[in-house]
PDB file of all heavy atoms in Angstrom:
ATOM      1  N   THR A   1     136.017 101.613  58.721  1.00  0.00           N
ATOM      2  CA  THR A   1     135.013 101.301  59.737  1.00  0.00           C
ATOM      3  C   THR A   1     135.090  99.821  60.076  1.00  0.00           C
ATOM      4  O   THR A   1     135.190  98.983  59.170  1.00  0.00           O
ATOM      5  CB  THR A   1     133.613 101.653  59.236  1.00  0.00           C
ATOM      6  OG1 THR A   1     133.567 103.056  58.936  1.00  0.00           O
ATOM      7  CG2 THR A   1     132.560 101.326  60.294  1.00  0.00           C
ATOM      8  N   THR A   2     135.043  99.521  61.359  1.00  0.00           N
ATOM      9  CA  THR A   2     135.244  98.140  61.796  1.00  0.00           C
ATOM     10  C   THR A   2     134.021  97.596  62.532  1.00  0.00           C
ATOM     11  O   THR A   2     133.198  98.359  63.055  1.00  0.00           O
ATOM     12  CB  THR A   2     136.458  98.049  62.725  1.00  0.00           C
ATOM     13  OG1 THR A   2     136.251  98.910  63.864  1.00  0.00           O
ATOM     14  CG2 THR A   2     137.726  98.476  62.010  1.00  0.00           C
ATOM     15  N   ASN A   3     133.952  96.285  62.578  1.00  0.00           N
ATOM     16  CA  ASN A   3     132.905  95.599  63.327  1.00  0.00           C
ATOM     17  C   ASN A   3     133.467  94.264  63.784  1.00  0.00           C
ATOM     18  O   ASN A   3     134.327  93.684  63.095  1.00  0.00           O
ATOM     19  CB  ASN A   3     131.652  95.399  62.475  1.00  0.00           C
ATOM     20  CG  ASN A   3     130.415  95.159  63.323  1.00  0.00           C
ATOM     21  OD1 ASN A   3     130.457  95.307  64.543  1.00  0.00           O
ATOM     22  ND2 ASN A   3     129.332  94.793  62.679  1.00  0.00           N
ATOM     23  N   TYR A   4     132.976  93.789  64.944  1.00  0.00           N
ATOM     24  CA  TYR A   4     133.557  92.611  65.560  1.00  0.00           C
ATOM     25  C   TYR A   4     132.491  91.646  66.051  1.00  0.00           C
ATOM     26  O   TYR A   4     131.384  92.047  66.434  1.00  0.00           O
ATOM     27  CB  TYR A   4     134.422  93.018  66.753  1.00  0.00           C
ATOM     28  CG  TYR A   4     135.544  93.950  66.383  1.00  0.00           C
ATOM     29  CD1 TYR A   4     135.383  95.322  66.419  1.00  0.00           C
ATOM     30  CD2 TYR A   4     136.784  93.439  65.960  1.00  0.00           C
ATOM     31  CE1 TYR A   4     136.401  96.179  66.060  1.00  0.00           C
ATOM     32  CE2 TYR A   4     137.811  94.290  65.602  1.00  0.00           C
ATOM     33  CZ  TYR A   4     137.620  95.655  65.649  1.00  0.00           C
ATOM     34  OH  TYR A   4     138.630  96.494  65.288  1.00  0.00           O
ATOM     35  N   ALA A   5     132.868  90.368  66.086  1.00  0.00           N
ATOM     36  CA  ALA A   5     132.028  89.397  66.769  1.00  0.00           C
ATOM     37  C   ALA A   5     131.980  89.757  68.252  1.00  0.00           C
ATOM     38  O   ALA A   5     132.954  90.266  68.812  1.00  0.00           O
ATOM     39  CB  ALA A   5     132.597  87.992  66.583  1.00  0.00           C
ATOM     40  N   ASP A   6     130.849  89.485  68.884  1.00  0.00           N
ATOM     41  CA  ASP A   6     130.695  89.847  70.295  1.00  0.00           C
ATOM     42  C   ASP A   6     131.792  89.241  71.160  1.00  0.00           C
ATOM     43  O   ASP A   6     132.238  89.847  72.133  1.00  0.00           O
ATOM     44  CB  ASP A   6     129.325  89.390  70.805  1.00  0.00           C
ATOM     45  CG  ASP A   6     128.186  90.236  70.269  1.00  0.00           C
ATOM     46  OD1 ASP A   6     128.460  91.346  69.761  1.00  0.00           O
ATOM     47  OD2 ASP A   6     127.035  89.781  70.346  1.00  0.00           O
ATOM     48  N   SER A   7     132.252  88.055  70.800  1.00  0.00           N
ATOM     49  CA  SER A   7     133.218  87.339  71.629  1.00  0.00           C
ATOM     50  C   SER A   7     134.591  88.002  71.656  1.00  0.00           C
ATOM     51  O   SER A   7     135.394  87.701  72.539  1.00  0.00           O
ATOM     52  CB  SER A   7     133.354  85.895  71.140  1.00  0.00           C
ATOM     53  OG  SER A   7     133.828  85.868  69.807  1.00  0.00           O
ATOM     54  N   VAL A   8     134.866  88.889  70.689  1.00  0.00           N
ATOM     55  CA  VAL A   8     136.197  89.504  70.636  1.00  0.00           C
ATOM     56  C   VAL A   8     136.166  91.017  70.807  1.00  0.00           C
ATOM     57  O   VAL A   8     137.226  91.653  70.819  1.00  0.00           O
ATOM     58  CB  VAL A   8     136.924  89.141  69.323  1.00  0.00           C
ATOM     59  CG1 VAL A   8     136.949  87.636  69.116  1.00  0.00           C
ATOM     60  CG2 VAL A   8     136.299  89.848  68.122  1.00  0.00           C
ATOM     61  N   LYS A   9     134.992  91.601  70.934  1.00  0.00           N
ATOM     62  CA  LYS A   9     134.885  93.050  71.093  1.00  0.00           C
ATOM     63  C   LYS A   9     135.687  93.520  72.296  1.00  0.00           C
ATOM     64  O   LYS A   9     135.638  92.925  73.365  1.00  0.00           O
ATOM     65  CB  LYS A   9     133.421  93.453  71.255  1.00  0.00           C
ATOM     66  CG  LYS A   9     132.651  93.536  69.955  1.00  0.00           C
ATOM     67  CD  LYS A   9     131.219  93.981  70.189  1.00  0.00           C
ATOM     68  CE  LYS A   9     130.444  94.032  68.889  1.00  0.00           C
ATOM     69  NZ  LYS A   9     129.027  94.376  69.092  1.00  0.00           N
ATOM     70  N   GLY A  10     136.432  94.597  72.080  1.00  0.00           N
ATOM     71  CA  GLY A  10     137.247  95.154  73.154  1.00  0.00           C
ATOM     72  C   GLY A  10     138.601  94.490  73.313  1.00  0.00           C
ATOM     73  O   GLY A  10     139.443  94.984  74.062  1.00  0.00           O
ATOM     74  N   ARG A  11     138.817  93.371  72.614  1.00  0.00           N
ATOM     75  CA  ARG A  11     140.092  92.666  72.721  1.00  0.00           C
ATOM     76  C   ARG A  11     140.848  92.622  71.388  1.00  0.00           C
ATOM     77  O   ARG A  11     142.071  92.626  71.379  1.00  0.00           O
ATOM     78  CB  ARG A  11     139.858  91.232  73.202  1.00  0.00           C
ATOM     79  CG  ARG A  11     139.188  91.137  74.553  1.00  0.00           C
ATOM     80  CD  ARG A  11     139.160  89.690  75.050  1.00  0.00           C
ATOM     81  NE  ARG A  11     138.377  88.809  74.191  1.00  0.00           N
ATOM     82  CZ  ARG A  11     138.884  87.731  73.575  1.00  0.00           C
ATOM     83  NH1 ARG A  11     140.165  87.428  73.717  1.00  0.00           N
ATOM     84  NH2 ARG A  11     138.103  86.974  72.834  1.00  0.00           N
ATOM     85  N   PHE A  12     140.121  92.554  70.299  1.00  0.00           N
ATOM     86  CA  PHE A  12     140.736  92.445  68.970  1.00  0.00           C
ATOM     87  C   PHE A  12     140.552  93.763  68.218  1.00  0.00           C
ATOM     88  O   PHE A  12     139.525  94.438  68.370  1.00  0.00           O
ATOM     89  CB  PHE A  12     140.092  91.339  68.156  1.00  0.00           C
ATOM     90  CG  PHE A  12     140.410  89.941  68.604  1.00  0.00           C
ATOM     91  CD1 PHE A  12     141.014  89.670  69.826  1.00  0.00           C
ATOM     92  CD2 PHE A  12     140.098  88.858  67.781  1.00  0.00           C
ATOM     93  CE1 PHE A  12     141.305  88.379  70.230  1.00  0.00           C
ATOM     94  CE2 PHE A  12     140.383  87.555  68.161  1.00  0.00           C
ATOM     95  CZ  PHE A  12     140.975  87.322  69.394  1.00  0.00           C
ATOM     96  N   THR A  13     141.534  94.074  67.364  1.00  0.00           N
ATOM     97  CA  THR A  13     141.452  95.254  66.512  1.00  0.00           C
ATOM     98  C   THR A  13     141.882  94.892  65.101  1.00  0.00           C
ATOM     99  O   THR A  13     142.999  94.407  64.895  1.00  0.00           O
ATOM    100  CB  THR A  13     142.339  96.386  67.042  1.00  0.00           C
ATOM    101  OG1 THR A  13     141.968  96.710  68.386  1.00  0.00           O
ATOM    102  CG2 THR A  13     142.194  97.628  66.166  1.00  0.00           C
ATOM    103  N   ILE A  14     140.998  95.127  64.146  1.00  0.00           N
ATOM    104  CA  ILE A  14     141.325  94.900  62.745  1.00  0.00           C
ATOM    105  C   ILE A  14     141.746  96.226  62.132  1.00  0.00           C
ATOM    106  O   ILE A  14     141.200  97.286  62.457  1.00  0.00           O
ATOM    107  CB  ILE A  14     140.126  94.283  61.982  1.00  0.00           C
ATOM    108  CG1 ILE A  14     140.526  93.900  60.557  1.00  0.00           C
ATOM    109  CG2 ILE A  14     138.923  95.220  62.003  1.00  0.00           C
ATOM    110  CD1 ILE A  14     139.443  93.118  59.798  1.00  0.00           C
ATOM    111  N   SER A  15     142.738  96.168  61.251  1.00  0.00           N
ATOM    112  CA  SER A  15     143.184  97.366  60.546  1.00  0.00           C
ATOM    113  C   SER A  15     143.692  96.960  59.174  1.00  0.00           C
ATOM    114  O   SER A  15     143.862  95.768  58.892  1.00  0.00           O
ATOM    115  CB  SER A  15     144.276  98.101  61.343  1.00  0.00           C
ATOM    116  OG  SER A  15     145.409  97.275  61.535  1.00  0.00           O
ATOM    117  N   ARG A  16     143.942  97.954  58.341  1.00  0.00           N
ATOM    118  CA  ARG A  16     144.424  97.666  56.994  1.00  0.00           C
ATOM    119  C   ARG A  16     145.406  98.742  56.567  1.00  0.00           C
ATOM    120  O   ARG A  16     145.324  99.894  56.992  1.00  0.00           O
ATOM    121  CB  ARG A  16     143.259  97.580  56.013  1.00  0.00           C
ATOM    122  CG  ARG A  16     142.493  98.857  55.814  1.00  0.00           C
ATOM    123  CD  ARG A  16     141.200  98.630  55.018  1.00  0.00           C
ATOM    124  NE  ARG A  16     141.475  98.126  53.676  1.00  0.00           N
ATOM    125  CZ  ARG A  16     140.555  97.497  52.928  1.00  0.00           C
ATOM    126  NH1 ARG A  16     139.339  97.290  53.406  1.00  0.00           N
ATOM    127  NH2 ARG A  16     140.867  97.089  51.717  1.00  0.00           N
ATOM    128  N   ASP A  17     146.325  98.331  55.712  1.00  0.00           N
ATOM    129  CA  ASP A  17     147.273  99.249  55.090  1.00  0.00           C
ATOM    130  C   ASP A  17     147.162  99.038  53.590  1.00  0.00           C
ATOM    131  O   ASP A  17     147.720  98.065  53.049  1.00  0.00           O
ATOM    132  CB  ASP A  17     148.686  98.968  55.599  1.00  0.00           C
ATOM    133  CG  ASP A  17     149.710  99.966  55.091  1.00  0.00           C
ATOM    134  OD1 ASP A  17     149.473 100.591  54.035  1.00  0.00           O
ATOM    135  OD2 ASP A  17     150.762 100.120  55.741  1.00  0.00           O
ATOM    136  N   ASN A  18     146.439  99.927  52.932  1.00  0.00           N
ATOM    137  CA  ASN A  18     146.201  99.738  51.498  1.00  0.00           C
ATOM    138  C   ASN A  18     147.476  99.867  50.669  1.00  0.00           C
ATOM    139  O   ASN A  18     147.589  99.286  49.595  1.00  0.00           O
ATOM    140  CB  ASN A  18     145.148 100.728  51.001  1.00  0.00           C
ATOM    141  CG  ASN A  18     143.758 100.399  51.521  1.00  0.00           C
ATOM    142  OD1 ASN A  18     143.466  99.262  51.884  1.00  0.00           O
ATOM    143  ND2 ASN A  18     142.883 101.396  51.567  1.00  0.00           N
ATOM    144  N   ALA A  19     148.432 100.632  51.165  1.00  0.00           N
ATOM    145  CA  ALA A  19     149.701 100.783  50.439  1.00  0.00           C
ATOM    146  C   ALA A  19     150.495  99.485  50.433  1.00  0.00           C
ATOM    147  O   ALA A  19     151.283  99.237  49.517  1.00  0.00           O
ATOM    148  CB  ALA A  19     150.525 101.896  51.057  1.00  0.00           C
ATOM    149  N   LYS A  20     150.278  98.668  51.459  1.00  0.00           N
ATOM    150  CA  LYS A  20     151.001  97.400  51.567  1.00  0.00           C
ATOM    151  C   LYS A  20     150.124  96.199  51.221  1.00  0.00           C
ATOM    152  O   LYS A  20     150.569  95.056  51.353  1.00  0.00           O
ATOM    153  CB  LYS A  20     151.543  97.226  52.989  1.00  0.00           C
ATOM    154  CG  LYS A  20     152.589  98.261  53.376  1.00  0.00           C
ATOM    155  CD  LYS A  20     153.123  97.999  54.780  1.00  0.00           C
ATOM    156  CE  LYS A  20     154.204  99.012  55.145  1.00  0.00           C
ATOM    157  NZ  LYS A  20     154.742  98.776  56.516  1.00  0.00           N
ATOM    158  N   ASN A  21     148.879  96.462  50.814  1.00  0.00           N
ATOM    159  CA  ASN A  21     147.958  95.356  50.509  1.00  0.00           C
ATOM    160  C   ASN A  21     147.886  94.352  51.662  1.00  0.00           C
ATOM    161  O   ASN A  21     147.933  93.132  51.435  1.00  0.00           O
ATOM    162  CB  ASN A  21     148.372  94.632  49.215  1.00  0.00           C
ATOM    163  CG  ASN A  21     147.772  95.269  47.984  1.00  0.00           C
ATOM    164  OD1 ASN A  21     147.496  96.465  47.972  1.00  0.00           O
ATOM    165  ND2 ASN A  21     147.589  94.491  46.940  1.00  0.00           N
ATOM    166  N   THR A  22     147.782  94.856  52.868  1.00  0.00           N
ATOM    167  CA  THR A  22     147.829  93.997  54.043  1.00  0.00           C
ATOM    168  C   THR A  22     146.722  94.366  55.019  1.00  0.00           C
ATOM    169  O   THR A  22     146.435  95.552  55.229  1.00  0.00           O
ATOM    170  CB  THR A  22     149.192  94.108  54.746  1.00  0.00           C
ATOM    171  OG1 THR A  22     150.225  93.719  53.820  1.00  0.00           O
ATOM    172  CG2 THR A  22     149.262  93.201  55.960  1.00  0.00           C
ATOM    173  N   VAL A  23     146.125  93.345  55.602  1.00  0.00           N
ATOM    174  CA  VAL A  23     145.151  93.539  56.669  1.00  0.00           C
ATOM    175  C   VAL A  23     145.706  92.866  57.923  1.00  0.00           C
ATOM    176  O   VAL A  23     146.360  91.814  57.839  1.00  0.00           O
ATOM    177  CB  VAL A  23     143.767  92.982  56.265  1.00  0.00           C
ATOM    178  CG1 VAL A  23     143.821  91.504  55.961  1.00  0.00           C
ATOM    179  CG2 VAL A  23     142.726  93.289  57.322  1.00  0.00           C
ATOM    180  N   TYR A  24     145.461  93.498  59.059  1.00  0.00           N
ATOM    181  CA  TYR A  24     146.026  93.038  60.322  1.00  0.00           C
ATOM    182  C   TYR A  24     144.924  92.697  61.316  1.00  0.00           C
ATOM    183  O   TYR A  24     143.805  93.194  61.224  1.00  0.00           O
ATOM    184  CB  TYR A  24     146.901  94.132  60.935  1.00  0.00           C
ATOM    185  CG  TYR A  24     148.021  94.605  60.050  1.00  0.00           C
ATOM    186  CD1 TYR A  24     147.889  95.759  59.278  1.00  0.00           C
ATOM    187  CD2 TYR A  24     149.222  93.910  59.977  1.00  0.00           C
ATOM    188  CE1 TYR A  24     148.905  96.206  58.458  1.00  0.00           C
ATOM    189  CE2 TYR A  24     150.260  94.350  59.156  1.00  0.00           C
ATOM    190  CZ  TYR A  24     150.092  95.494  58.408  1.00  0.00           C
ATOM    191  OH  TYR A  24     151.108  95.928  57.586  1.00  0.00           O
ATOM    192  N   LEU A  25     145.284  91.865  62.294  1.00  0.00           N
ATOM    193  CA  LEU A  25     144.398  91.601  63.416  1.00  0.00           C
ATOM    194  C   LEU A  25     145.246  91.598  64.685  1.00  0.00           C
ATOM    195  O   LEU A  25     146.043  90.678  64.900  1.00  0.00           O
ATOM    196  CB  LEU A  25     143.668  90.271  63.259  1.00  0.00           C
ATOM    197  CG  LEU A  25     142.599  90.003  64.317  1.00  0.00           C
ATOM    198  CD1 LEU A  25     141.436  90.993  64.164  1.00  0.00           C
ATOM    199  CD2 LEU A  25     142.089  88.560  64.213  1.00  0.00           C
ATOM    200  N   GLN A  26     145.100  92.637  65.473  1.00  0.00           N
ATOM    201  CA  GLN A  26     145.759  92.710  66.774  1.00  0.00           C
ATOM    202  C   GLN A  26     144.859  92.022  67.783  1.00  0.00           C
ATOM    203  O   GLN A  26     143.701  92.421  67.956  1.00  0.00           O
ATOM    204  CB  GLN A  26     146.005  94.163  67.172  1.00  0.00           C
ATOM    205  CG  GLN A  26     146.624  94.329  68.540  1.00  0.00           C
ATOM    206  CD  GLN A  26     148.039  93.802  68.607  1.00  0.00           C
ATOM    207  OE1 GLN A  26     148.855  94.049  67.710  1.00  0.00           O
ATOM    208  NE2 GLN A  26     148.355  93.067  69.675  1.00  0.00           N
ATOM    209  N   MET A  27     145.399  91.022  68.448  1.00  0.00           N
ATOM    210  CA  MET A  27     144.621  90.229  69.396  1.00  0.00           C
ATOM    211  C   MET A  27     145.236  90.360  70.783  1.00  0.00           C
ATOM    212  O   MET A  27     146.393  89.956  70.982  1.00  0.00           O
ATOM    213  CB  MET A  27     144.574  88.769  68.960  1.00  0.00           C
ATOM    214  CG  MET A  27     144.087  88.580  67.530  1.00  0.00           C
ATOM    215  SD  MET A  27     143.821  86.847  67.110  1.00  0.00           S
ATOM    216  CE  MET A  27     145.490  86.227  67.247  1.00  0.00           C
ATOM    217  N   ASN A  28     144.496  90.922  71.703  1.00  0.00           N
ATOM    218  CA  ASN A  28     144.951  91.097  73.076  1.00  0.00           C
ATOM    219  C   ASN A  28     144.064  90.299  74.028  1.00  0.00           C
ATOM    220  O   ASN A  28     142.961  89.871  73.669  1.00  0.00           O
ATOM    221  CB  ASN A  28     144.902  92.577  73.456  1.00  0.00           C
ATOM    222  CG  ASN A  28     145.813  93.443  72.598  1.00  0.00           C
ATOM    223  OD1 ASN A  28     146.870  93.003  72.153  1.00  0.00           O
ATOM    224  ND2 ASN A  28     145.404  94.676  72.367  1.00  0.00           N
ATOM    225  N   SER A  29     144.556  90.114  75.237  1.00  0.00           N
ATOM    226  CA  SER A  29     143.798  89.397  76.278  1.00  0.00           C
ATOM    227  C   SER A  29     143.252  88.080  75.733  1.00  0.00           C
ATOM    228  O   SER A  29     142.067  87.753  75.896  1.00  0.00           O
ATOM    229  CB  SER A  29     142.655  90.276  76.786  1.00  0.00           C
ATOM    230  OG  SER A  29     143.145  91.489  77.309  1.00  0.00           O
ATOM    231  N   LEU A  30     144.108  87.332  75.094  1.00  0.00           N
ATOM    232  CA  LEU A  30     143.671  86.101  74.439  1.00  0.00           C
ATOM    233  C   LEU A  30     143.152  85.083  75.431  1.00  0.00           C
ATOM    234  O   LEU A  30     143.645  84.971  76.568  1.00  0.00           O
ATOM    235  CB  LEU A  30     144.815  85.519  73.622  1.00  0.00           C
ATOM    236  CG  LEU A  30     145.036  86.242  72.278  1.00  0.00           C
ATOM    237  CD1 LEU A  30     146.431  85.961  71.731  1.00  0.00           C
ATOM    238  CD2 LEU A  30     143.983  85.819  71.269  1.00  0.00           C
ATOM    239  N   LYS A  31     142.156  84.332  74.989  1.00  0.00           N
ATOM    240  CA  LYS A  31     141.511  83.298  75.789  1.00  0.00           C
ATOM    241  C   LYS A  31     141.636  81.956  75.075  1.00  0.00           C
ATOM    242  O   LYS A  31     141.784  81.916  73.844  1.00  0.00           O
ATOM    243  CB  LYS A  31     140.027  83.625  75.959  1.00  0.00           C
ATOM    244  CG  LYS A  31     139.751  84.974  76.572  1.00  0.00           C
ATOM    245  CD  LYS A  31     138.255  85.245  76.630  1.00  0.00           C
ATOM    246  CE  LYS A  31     137.955  86.606  77.244  1.00  0.00           C
ATOM    247  NZ  LYS A  31     136.490  86.870  77.299  1.00  0.00           N
ATOM    248  N   PRO A  32     141.553  80.857  75.796  1.00  0.00           N
ATOM    249  CA  PRO A  32     141.621  79.542  75.149  1.00  0.00           C
ATOM    250  C   PRO A  32     140.595  79.381  74.024  1.00  0.00           C
ATOM    251  O   PRO A  32     140.881  78.720  73.020  1.00  0.00           O
ATOM    252  CB  PRO A  32     141.358  78.575  76.306  1.00  0.00           C
ATOM    253  CG  PRO A  32     141.883  79.294  77.508  1.00  0.00           C
ATOM    254  CD  PRO A  32     141.547  80.734  77.273  1.00  0.00           C
ATOM    255  N   GLU A  33     139.445  79.989  74.168  1.00  0.00           N
ATOM    256  CA  GLU A  33     138.414  79.851  73.135  1.00  0.00           C
ATOM    257  C   GLU A  33     138.729  80.637  71.864  1.00  0.00           C
ATOM    258  O   GLU A  33     138.007  80.530  70.874  1.00  0.00           O
ATOM    259  CB  GLU A  33     137.035  80.283  73.672  1.00  0.00           C
ATOM    260  CG  GLU A  33     137.011  81.642  74.337  1.00  0.00           C
ATOM    261  CD  GLU A  33     137.142  81.547  75.856  1.00  0.00           C
ATOM    262  OE1 GLU A  33     137.976  80.746  76.335  1.00  0.00           O
ATOM    263  OE2 GLU A  33     136.425  82.304  76.551  1.00  0.00           O
ATOM    264  N   ASP A  34     139.805  81.411  71.864  1.00  0.00           N
ATOM    265  CA  ASP A  34     140.258  82.083  70.646  1.00  0.00           C
ATOM    266  C   ASP A  34     141.087  81.148  69.769  1.00  0.00           C
ATOM    267  O   ASP A  34     141.456  81.506  68.647  1.00  0.00           O
ATOM    268  CB  ASP A  34     141.106  83.313  70.984  1.00  0.00           C
ATOM    269  CG  ASP A  34     140.328  84.382  71.721  1.00  0.00           C
ATOM    270  OD1 ASP A  34     139.137  84.600  71.378  1.00  0.00           O
ATOM    271  OD2 ASP A  34     140.897  84.999  72.652  1.00  0.00           O
ATOM    272  N   THR A  35     141.383  79.976  70.263  1.00  0.00           N
ATOM    273  CA  THR A  35     142.195  79.009  69.522  1.00  0.00           C
ATOM    274  C   THR A  35     141.529  78.619  68.208  1.00  0.00           C
ATOM    275  O   THR A  35     140.315  78.381  68.165  1.00  0.00           O
ATOM    276  CB  THR A  35     142.436  77.761  70.380  1.00  0.00           C
ATOM    277  OG1 THR A  35     143.260  78.122  71.492  1.00  0.00           O
ATOM    278  CG2 THR A  35     143.122  76.654  69.597  1.00  0.00           C
TER     279      THR A  35
END
């Protein structure tokens, strides 16, 4: 289950792969304020 800051909702996606001990953040439609 995921949750996002309002500023990134609809643009960012968090996911995890427990087999690889890795968490990801897919960031689309990036804006300067994401810096």
